[in-house]
C-alpha atoms as a PDB file:
ATOM      1  CA  MET A   1     183.486 139.068 -20.855  1.00  0.00           C
ATOM      2  CA  GLN A   2     186.512 137.092 -20.543  1.00  0.00           C
ATOM      3  CA  SER A   3     189.927 138.959 -21.323  1.00  0.00           C
ATOM      4  CA  SER A   4     193.406 138.810 -21.785  1.00  0.00           C
ATOM      5  CA  LYS A   5     196.562 140.633 -19.644  1.00  0.00           C
ATOM      6  CA  THR A   6     196.528 143.764 -21.089  1.00  0.00           C
ATOM      7  CA  LYS A   7     199.719 143.979 -23.830  1.00  0.00           C
ATOM      8  CA  SER A   8     199.556 141.030 -23.908  1.00  0.00           C
ATOM      9  CA  PRO A   9     200.769 138.736 -27.063  1.00  0.00           C
ATOM     10  CA  ALA A  10     197.537 137.641 -29.031  1.00  0.00           C
ATOM     11  CA  THR A  11     197.188 134.298 -31.206  1.00  0.00           C
ATOM     12  CA  LEU A  12     195.215 134.549 -34.882  1.00  0.00           C
ATOM     13  CA  PRO A  13     193.321 131.946 -35.181  1.00  0.00           C
ATOM     14  CA  ASP A  14     193.604 130.100 -38.545  1.00  0.00           C
ATOM     15  CA  ASN A  15     191.287 130.803 -40.503  1.00  0.00           C
ATOM     16  CA  ILE A  16     192.971 134.736 -40.923  1.00  0.00           C
ATOM     17  CA  PRO A  17     195.248 135.722 -43.988  1.00  0.00           C
ATOM     18  CA  GLY A  18     198.702 135.090 -42.957  1.00  0.00           C
ATOM     19  CA  ASN A  19     198.441 134.076 -40.039  1.00  0.00           C
ATOM     20  CA  ASN A  20     201.534 131.942 -38.045  1.00  0.00           C
ATOM     21  CA  GLN A  21     198.851 129.725 -35.366  1.00  0.00           C
ATOM     22  CA  ASP A  22     202.926 129.311 -33.915  1.00  0.00           C
ATOM     23  CA  LYS A  23     203.222 132.802 -33.631  1.00  0.00           C
ATOM     24  CA  GLU A  24     202.733 135.401 -31.289  1.00  0.00           C
ATOM     25  CA  VAL A  25     201.897 138.618 -32.571  1.00  0.00           C
ATOM     26  CA  SER A  26     201.112 141.725 -31.217  1.00  0.00           C
ATOM     27  CA  ARG A  27     197.496 142.843 -32.284  1.00  0.00           C
ATOM     28  CA  THR A  28     196.189 145.959 -32.480  1.00  0.00           C
ATOM     29  CA  GLU A  29     193.224 145.800 -34.367  1.00  0.00           C
ATOM     30  CA  CYS A  30     189.516 143.474 -33.976  1.00  0.00           C
ATOM     31  CA  VAL A  31     190.395 140.345 -36.460  1.00  0.00           C
ATOM     32  CA  ARG A  32     186.591 139.482 -35.571  1.00  0.00           C
ATOM     33  CA  CYS A  33     188.065 136.061 -34.981  1.00  0.00           C
ATOM     34  CA  GLY A  34     185.128 135.518 -32.460  1.00  0.00           C
ATOM     35  CA  VAL A  35     187.110 134.346 -29.574  1.00  0.00           C
ATOM     36  CA  CYS A  36     186.105 137.181 -27.174  1.00  0.00           C
ATOM     37  CA  CYS A  37     182.193 136.845 -27.664  1.00  0.00           C
ATOM     38  CA  THR A  38     182.473 132.829 -27.914  1.00  0.00           C
ATOM     39  CA  LYS A  39     183.870 133.135 -24.021  1.00  0.00           C
ATOM     40  CA  GLY A  40     180.477 134.697 -22.598  1.00  0.00           C
ATOM     41  CA  GLY A  41     177.790 137.261 -22.592  1.00  0.00           C
ATOM     42  CA  PRO A  42     179.195 140.518 -21.230  1.00  0.00           C
ATOM     43  CA  THR A  43     177.626 141.378 -17.837  1.00  0.00           C
ATOM     44  CA  LEU A  44     175.317 144.578 -18.091  1.00  0.00           C
ATOM     45  CA  HIS A  45     176.382 148.983 -17.003  1.00  0.00           C
ATOM     46  CA  LEU A  46     174.043 151.496 -16.568  1.00  0.00           C
ATOM     47  CA  GLU A  47     175.211 152.591 -19.745  1.00  0.00           C
ATOM     48  CA  ASP A  48     173.515 149.562 -21.226  1.00  0.00           C
ATOM     49  CA  ILE A  49     170.393 150.786 -20.673  1.00  0.00           C
ATOM     50  CA  GLY A  50     169.152 152.014 -23.796  1.00  0.00           C
ATOM     51  CA  ALA A  51     169.859 148.086 -25.447  1.00  0.00           C
ATOM     52  CA  PHE A  52     166.317 148.209 -23.932  1.00  0.00           C
ATOM     53  CA  LYS A  53     164.765 151.134 -25.340  1.00  0.00           C
ATOM     54  CA  ASP A  54     165.129 150.265 -28.376  1.00  0.00           C
ATOM     55  CA  SER A  55     163.844 146.643 -27.562  1.00  0.00           C
ATOM     56  CA  SER A  56     167.772 145.572 -28.977  1.00  0.00           C
ATOM     57  CA  VAL A  57     168.322 143.179 -25.803  1.00  0.00           C
ATOM     58  CA  LYS A  58     165.027 142.035 -24.288  1.00  0.00           C
ATOM     59  CA  ARG A  59     164.563 140.653 -20.229  1.00  0.00           C
ATOM     60  CA  SER A  60     164.159 137.166 -21.952  1.00  0.00           C
ATOM     61  CA  ASP A  61     168.340 137.911 -23.034  1.00  0.00           C
ATOM     62  CA  LEU A  62     169.201 138.532 -20.111  1.00  0.00           C
ATOM     63  CA  TYR A  63     169.701 136.718 -17.045  1.00  0.00           C
ATOM     64  CA  THR A  64     171.257 137.289 -13.243  1.00  0.00           C
ATOM     65  CA  MET A  65     173.818 136.210 -11.206  1.00  0.00           C
ATOM     66  CA  ARG A  66     172.954 137.073  -7.029  1.00  0.00           C
ATOM     67  CA  LYS A  67     174.736 138.800  -4.348  1.00  0.00           C
ATOM     68  CA  GLY A  68     177.083 135.612  -3.071  1.00  0.00           C
ATOM     69  CA  GLU A  69     177.324 133.443  -6.264  1.00  0.00           C
ATOM     70  CA  THR A  70     180.627 132.543  -7.552  1.00  0.00           C
ATOM     71  CA  VAL A  71     181.702 133.981 -10.787  1.00  0.00           C
ATOM     72  CA  PHE A  72     184.810 133.621 -12.609  1.00  0.00           C
ATOM     73  CA  ASN A  73     186.158 136.989 -12.821  1.00  0.00           C
ATOM     74  CA  ASN A  74     188.320 137.500 -16.158  1.00  0.00           C
ATOM     75  CA  ILE A  75     190.271 139.555 -14.822  1.00  0.00           C
ATOM     76  CA  GLU A  76     191.908 138.140 -12.179  1.00  0.00           C
ATOM     77  CA  GLY A  77     191.388 135.471 -14.008  1.00  0.00           C
ATOM     78  CA  LYS A  78     190.547 132.976 -10.890  1.00  0.00           C
ATOM     79  CA  PRO A  79     186.526 132.962  -9.719  1.00  0.00           C
ATOM     80  CA  SER A  80     185.589 135.588  -7.026  1.00  0.00           C
ATOM     81  CA  VAL A  81     182.124 135.747  -4.490  1.00  0.00           C
ATOM     82  CA  LEU A  82     179.534 138.968  -5.833  1.00  0.00           C
ATOM     83  CA  SER A  83     180.073 141.767  -3.904  1.00  0.00           C
ATOM     84  CA  GLU A  84     176.338 142.242  -5.906  1.00  0.00           C
ATOM     85  CA  GLU A  85     174.807 141.319  -8.383  1.00  0.00           C
ATOM     86  CA  ILE A  86     174.825 141.503 -12.028  1.00  0.00           C
ATOM     87  CA  ILE A  87     172.992 140.578 -14.974  1.00  0.00           C
ATOM     88  CA  LYS A  88     174.926 139.030 -17.766  1.00  0.00           C
ATOM     89  CA  ILE A  89     173.668 138.605 -21.372  1.00  0.00           C
ATOM     90  CA  LYS A  90     172.779 134.640 -21.513  1.00  0.00           C
ATOM     91  CA  GLY A  91     174.865 132.310 -23.918  1.00  0.00           C
ATOM     92  CA  THR A  92     174.242 128.960 -25.728  1.00  0.00           C
ATOM     93  CA  GLY A  93     175.863 125.918 -26.579  1.00  0.00           C
ATOM     94  CA  GLU A  94     178.928 124.338 -25.050  1.00  0.00           C
ATOM     95  CA  SER A  95     181.350 127.236 -24.748  1.00  0.00           C
ATOM     96  CA  TYR A  96     178.364 129.601 -23.926  1.00  0.00           C
ATOM     97  CA  SER A  97     179.055 131.894 -27.140  1.00  0.00           C
ATOM     98  CA  CYS A  98     177.491 135.710 -26.303  1.00  0.00           C
ATOM     99  CA  SER A  99     173.692 134.647 -27.581  1.00  0.00           C
ATOM    100  CA  PHE A 100     173.616 137.565 -29.764  1.00  0.00           C
ATOM    101  CA  TYR A 101     176.908 136.431 -32.212  1.00  0.00           C
ATOM    102  CA  ASP A 102     176.908 135.214 -35.681  1.00  0.00           C
ATOM    103  CA  PRO A 103     179.852 132.159 -35.805  1.00  0.00           C
ATOM    104  CA  ASP A 104     178.512 132.548 -39.039  1.00  0.00           C
ATOM    105  CA  GLN A 105     179.101 136.007 -40.441  1.00  0.00           C
ATOM    106  CA  LYS A 106     181.455 136.304 -36.771  1.00  0.00           C
ATOM    107  CA  ALA A 107     179.305 139.188 -36.301  1.00  0.00           C
ATOM    108  CA  CYS A 108     177.303 140.961 -33.361  1.00  0.00           C
ATOM    109  CA  ALA A 109     173.477 141.059 -34.071  1.00  0.00           C
ATOM    110  CA  ILE A 110     173.186 144.292 -31.928  1.00  0.00           C
ATOM    111  CA  TYR A 111     176.864 145.877 -32.829  1.00  0.00           C
ATOM    112  CA  ALA A 112     175.093 149.254 -33.045  1.00  0.00           C
ATOM    113  CA  ASN A 113     173.935 148.678 -29.453  1.00  0.00           C
ATOM    114  CA  ARG A 114     175.841 146.671 -28.251  1.00  0.00           C
ATOM    115  CA  PRO A 115     176.916 146.423 -24.293  1.00  0.00           C
ATOM    116  CA  ILE A 116     179.872 149.072 -23.415  1.00  0.00           C
ATOM    117  CA  GLU A 117     182.076 146.623 -22.187  1.00  0.00           C
ATOM    118  CA  CYS A 118     182.104 145.251 -25.965  1.00  0.00           C
ATOM    119  CA  ARG A 119     183.525 148.578 -26.705  1.00  0.00           C
ATOM    120  CA  VAL A 120     185.725 148.973 -24.852  1.00  0.00           C
ATOM    121  CA  LEU A 121     187.447 145.386 -25.660  1.00  0.00           C
ATOM    122  CA  LYS A 122     190.729 145.045 -27.190  1.00  0.00           C
ATOM    123  CA  CYS A 123     191.941 141.783 -26.441  1.00  0.00           C
ATOM    124  CA  TRP A 124     195.430 142.435 -27.005  1.00  0.00           C
ATOM    125  CA  ASP A 125     195.148 145.999 -24.094  1.00  0.00           C
ATOM    126  CA  THR A 126     192.330 145.286 -21.636  1.00  0.00           C
ATOM    127  CA  LYS A 127     192.602 148.546 -19.514  1.00  0.00           C
ATOM    128  CA  ASP A 128     189.903 150.564 -20.801  1.00  0.00           C
ATOM    129  CA  LEU A 129     187.999 147.154 -19.469  1.00  0.00           C
ATOM    130  CA  GLU A 130     189.707 147.098 -16.575  1.00  0.00           C
ATOM    131  CA  ALA A 131     188.969 150.820 -15.898  1.00  0.00           C
ATOM    132  CA  ILE A 132     185.221 150.191 -16.675  1.00  0.00           C
ATOM    133  CA  PHE A 133     184.273 146.088 -15.357  1.00  0.00           C
ATOM    134  CA  GLU A 134     183.551 146.877 -11.921  1.00  0.00           C
ATOM    135  CA  LYS A 135     182.128 150.244 -12.007  1.00  0.00           C
ATOM    136  CA  ASN A 136     178.184 151.043 -12.853  1.00  0.00           C
ATOM    137  CA  ARG A 137     176.637 147.358 -12.979  1.00  0.00           C
ATOM    138  CA  LEU A 138     173.073 147.359 -13.947  1.00  0.00           C
ATOM    139  CA  GLN A 139     170.708 145.885 -10.643  1.00  0.00           C
ATOM    140  CA  ARG A 140     167.845 144.742 -10.984  1.00  0.00           C
ATOM    141  CA  LYS A 141     165.823 147.503  -9.228  1.00  0.00           C
ATOM    142  CA  HIS A 142     167.121 149.722 -11.845  1.00  0.00           C
ATOM    143  CA  LEU A 143     165.005 147.908 -14.445  1.00  0.00           C
ATOM    144  CA  ILE A 144     161.742 147.099 -12.590  1.00  0.00           C
ATOM    145  CA  PRO A 145     159.400 149.714 -11.226  1.00  0.00           C
ATOM    146  CA  PRO A 146     159.268 148.912  -7.465  1.00  0.00           C
ATOM    147  CA  ASP A 147     155.681 148.286  -4.967  1.00  0.00           C
ATOM    148  CA  THR A 148     154.638 145.600  -8.196  1.00  0.00           C
ATOM    149  CA  VAL A 149     154.160 142.669  -7.974  1.00  0.00           C
ATOM    150  CA  ILE A 150     157.343 141.534  -9.715  1.00  0.00           C
ATOM    151  CA  ALA A 151     159.290 143.527  -7.399  1.00  0.00           C
ATOM    152  CA  GLU A 152     157.688 141.327  -4.276  1.00  0.00           C
ATOM    153  CA  ALA A 153     158.105 138.436  -5.713  1.00  0.00           C
ATOM    154  CA  ILE A 154     161.720 139.131  -6.246  1.00  0.00           C
ATOM    155  CA  ALA A 155     162.351 140.064  -2.847  1.00  0.00           C
ATOM    156  CA  GLY A 156     160.768 137.597  -1.013  1.00  0.00           C
ATOM    157  CA  HIS A 157     162.628 135.154  -3.039  1.00  0.00           C
ATOM    158  CA  GLU A 158     165.896 137.023  -2.272  1.00  0.00           C
ATOM    159  CA  GLN A 159     165.008 136.969   1.928  1.00  0.00           C
ATOM    160  CA  ARG A 160     163.769 132.961   2.234  1.00  0.00           C
ATOM    161  CA  CYS A 161     167.066 132.329  -1.089  1.00  0.00           C
ATOM    162  CA  SER A 162     169.307 134.106  -0.206  1.00  0.00           C
ATOM    163  CA  TYR A 163     173.224 132.736  -1.220  1.00  0.00           C
ATOM    164  CA  SER A 164     174.629 133.753   2.602  1.00  0.00           C
ATOM    165  CA  THR A 165     170.863 131.155   4.110  1.00  0.00           C
ATOM    166  CA  ILE A 166     172.625 128.278   2.009  1.00  0.00           C
ATOM    167  CA  GLU A 167     175.715 128.625   2.723  1.00  0.00           C
ATOM    168  CA  THR A 168     175.355 128.584   6.553  1.00  0.00           C
ATOM    169  CA  LEU A 169     172.227 125.946   6.308  1.00  0.00           C
ATOM    170  CA  VAL A 170     175.573 123.698   3.888  1.00  0.00           C
ATOM    171  CA  LYS A 171     178.157 124.460   6.645  1.00  0.00           C
ATOM    172  CA  LYS A 172     175.733 121.806   8.945  1.00  0.00           C
ATOM    173  CA  MET A 173     175.473 118.995   6.927  1.00  0.00           C
ATOM    174  CA  GLY A 174     177.734 116.730   8.383  1.00  0.00           C
ATOM    175  CA  GLY A 175     177.590 117.776  11.993  1.00  0.00           C
ATOM    176  CA  SER A 176     174.680 117.052  14.449  1.00  0.00           C
ATOM    177  CA  GLU A 177     172.570 119.565  12.380  1.00  0.00           C
ATOM    178  CA  THR A 178     172.824 117.592   8.748  1.00  0.00           C
ATOM    179  CA  SER A 179     169.041 116.327   9.080  1.00  0.00           C
ATOM    180  CA  GLU A 180     167.561 119.656   9.841  1.00  0.00           C
ATOM    181  CA  ALA A 181     169.939 121.275   7.298  1.00  0.00           C
ATOM    182  CA  VAL A 182     169.229 118.639   4.098  1.00  0.00           C
ATOM    183  CA  GLU A 183     165.075 119.365   4.911  1.00  0.00           C
ATOM    184  CA  LYS A 184     165.149 122.953   5.070  1.00  0.00           C
ATOM    185  CA  PHE A 185     167.769 122.913   1.274  1.00  0.00           C
ATOM    186  CA  LEU A 186     165.825 120.844   0.153  1.00  0.00           C
ATOM    187  CA  GLU A 187     162.323 123.396   1.186  1.00  0.00           C
ATOM    188  CA  LEU A 188     164.292 126.013  -0.962  1.00  0.00           C
ATOM    189  CA  LEU A 189     164.945 123.821  -3.276  1.00  0.00           C
ATOM    190  CA  GLN A 190     161.376 123.396  -4.382  1.00  0.00           C
ATOM    191  CA  PHE A 191     160.286 125.904  -3.930  1.00  0.00           C
ATOM    192  CA  ASP A 192     162.682 128.132  -6.392  1.00  0.00           C
ATOM    193  CA  HIS A 193     161.850 125.163  -8.546  1.00  0.00           C
ATOM    194  CA  HIS A 194     158.089 126.271  -8.465  1.00  0.00           C
ATOM    195  CA  LEU A 195     158.107 129.715  -7.879  1.00  0.00           C
ATOM    196  CA  ARG A 196     159.041 130.584 -11.619  1.00  0.00           C
ATOM    197  CA  PRO A 197     156.297 128.819 -13.340  1.00  0.00           C
ATOM    198  CA  PHE A 198     154.000 129.813 -10.829  1.00  0.00           C
ATOM    199  CA  ILE A 199     155.026 133.516 -11.917  1.00  0.00           C
ATOM    200  CA  ALA A 200     155.403 133.894 -15.128  1.00  0.00           C
ATOM    201  CA  LYS A 201     151.988 131.433 -15.157  1.00  0.00           C
ATOM    202  CA  LYS A 202     150.291 134.248 -13.081  1.00  0.00           C
ATOM    203  CA  LEU A 203     151.866 137.609 -14.271  1.00  0.00           C
ATOM    204  CA  GLU A 204     150.966 135.824 -17.903  1.00  0.00           C
ATOM    205  CA  LEU A 205     155.241 136.489 -18.618  1.00  0.00           C
ATOM    206  CA  PRO A 206     158.110 134.378 -20.250  1.00  0.00           C
ATOM    207  CA  ILE A 207     159.004 131.488 -18.700  1.00  0.00           C
ATOM    208  CA  GLU A 208     162.644 132.845 -20.731  1.00  0.00           C
ATOM    209  CA  GLU A 209     162.697 135.633 -18.705  1.00  0.00           C
ATOM    210  CA  MET A 210     162.459 133.868 -15.043  1.00  0.00           C
ATOM    211  CA  ASP A 211     166.324 133.620 -15.112  1.00  0.00           C
ATOM    212  CA  PHE A 212     166.566 137.540 -15.080  1.00  0.00           C
ATOM    213  CA  PHE A 213     163.428 138.235 -12.572  1.00  0.00           C
ATOM    214  CA  PHE A 214     165.119 135.330 -10.032  1.00  0.00           C
ATOM    215  CA  GLY A 215     168.416 134.554 -11.279  1.00  0.00           C
ATOM    216  CA  ARG A 216     169.515 131.619 -12.637  1.00  0.00           C
ATOM    217  CA  PRO A 217     168.073 128.400 -10.134  1.00  0.00           C
ATOM    218  CA  LEU A 218     169.388 126.650  -6.780  1.00  0.00           C
ATOM    219  CA  THR A 219     169.383 123.684  -8.961  1.00  0.00           C
ATOM    220  CA  THR A 220     171.999 124.723 -11.052  1.00  0.00           C
ATOM    221  CA  THR A 221     173.958 126.653  -8.529  1.00  0.00           C
ATOM    222  CA  ILE A 222     174.333 124.920  -6.162  1.00  0.00           C
ATOM    223  CA  LYS A 223     177.136 123.240  -7.854  1.00  0.00           C
ATOM    224  CA  MET A 224     179.380 125.623  -6.118  1.00  0.00           C
ATOM    225  CA  PHE A 225     178.868 124.174  -2.930  1.00  0.00           C
ATOM    226  CA  GLY A 226     179.872 120.786  -4.273  1.00  0.00           C
ATOM    227  CA  LEU A 227     176.329 120.280  -4.186  1.00  0.00           C
ATOM    228  CA  GLN A 228     174.182 118.969  -6.845  1.00  0.00           C
ATOM    229  CA  VAL A 229     170.450 117.592  -7.641  1.00  0.00           C
ATOM    230  CA  LYS A 230     168.697 114.441  -8.806  1.00  0.00           C
ATOM    231  CA  GLN A 231     165.141 114.453  -9.518  1.00  0.00           C
ATOM    232  CA  ASN A 232     162.558 111.963  -9.056  1.00  0.00           C
ATOM    233  CA  GLY A 233     159.309 113.035 -10.222  1.00  0.00           C
ATOM    234  CA  ASP A 234     158.761 115.902  -7.348  1.00  0.00           C
ATOM    235  CA  ALA A 235     161.221 114.623  -5.012  1.00  0.00           C
ATOM    236  CA  PHE A 236     164.974 116.560  -4.714  1.00  0.00           C
ATOM    237  CA  LEU A 237     167.520 114.358  -3.829  1.00  0.00           C
ATOM    238  CA  LEU A 238     170.621 115.600  -2.624  1.00  0.00           C
ATOM    239  CA  THR A 239     174.116 114.314  -3.820  1.00  0.00           C
ATOM    240  CA  PRO A 240     177.843 115.390  -3.511  1.00  0.00           C
ATOM    241  CA  ILE A 241     179.792 115.385  -6.033  1.00  0.00           C
ATOM    242  CA  GLU A 242     183.270 114.970  -5.157  1.00  0.00           C
ATOM    243  CA  LYS A 243     182.485 111.485  -4.651  1.00  0.00           C
ATOM    244  CA  GLY A 244     178.946 111.120  -5.920  1.00  0.00           C
ATOM    245  CA  ILE A 245     178.206 109.500  -3.073  1.00  0.00           C
ATOM    246  CA  GLY A 246     175.505 109.546  -0.061  1.00  0.00           C
ATOM    247  CA  GLU A 247     172.239 111.239  -0.851  1.00  0.00           C
ATOM    248  CA  PHE A 248     169.966 113.555   0.835  1.00  0.00           C
ATOM    249  CA  GLY A 249     165.391 113.594  -0.311  1.00  0.00           C
ATOM    250  CA  ASN A 250     162.635 113.924   0.247  1.00  0.00           C
END
């Protein structure tokens, strides 16, 4: 969830009566402009578990950002590396608007059970959000019973595809161990790519839940290492983003 600086003035949108878009005004209450909701879904906390009990929020509505993944820290206003995993509500569209936000009604579809970050956020004064921002964050272990097949699959995926492992391989690229590092990297990409439909089919789970169980696909998140993937049939090509030249394939 995006936030402004504490007690910063807010600019009202054009469709609010009496608004002058060129003039900053002091906000004291929510005017349902939707800006907070269209900046991405919130991170969930232990206080949000109740939403799962009444099915207001389902696993298919969520995705996990794993330890070591780069995320934009809205409080600090800059990217940071996660020291532990977090779970977020999925977004939609180019702006990655919260999937529960109804732009036509300018309303939240789960307002009565909205996450705690949404409850405490005031765009004109973010001190309440800052107070809980990094506390009691929900993790997969809070929602998945231990000693289950899916829990074991998650543990195996984490051990094999951790971001610390990936970072080590990336650092070896461009040196004397480039070929070996690229080969191992591509193996991880293939493993992560094929694990998701395999688990969904084997355990009869919706494919939409896989981003919650295993985090976002590596083919998406490797961009934080300056790399991108081009897929040609069953083969993956690894390409630097910066210059778009030089490909590593399997």
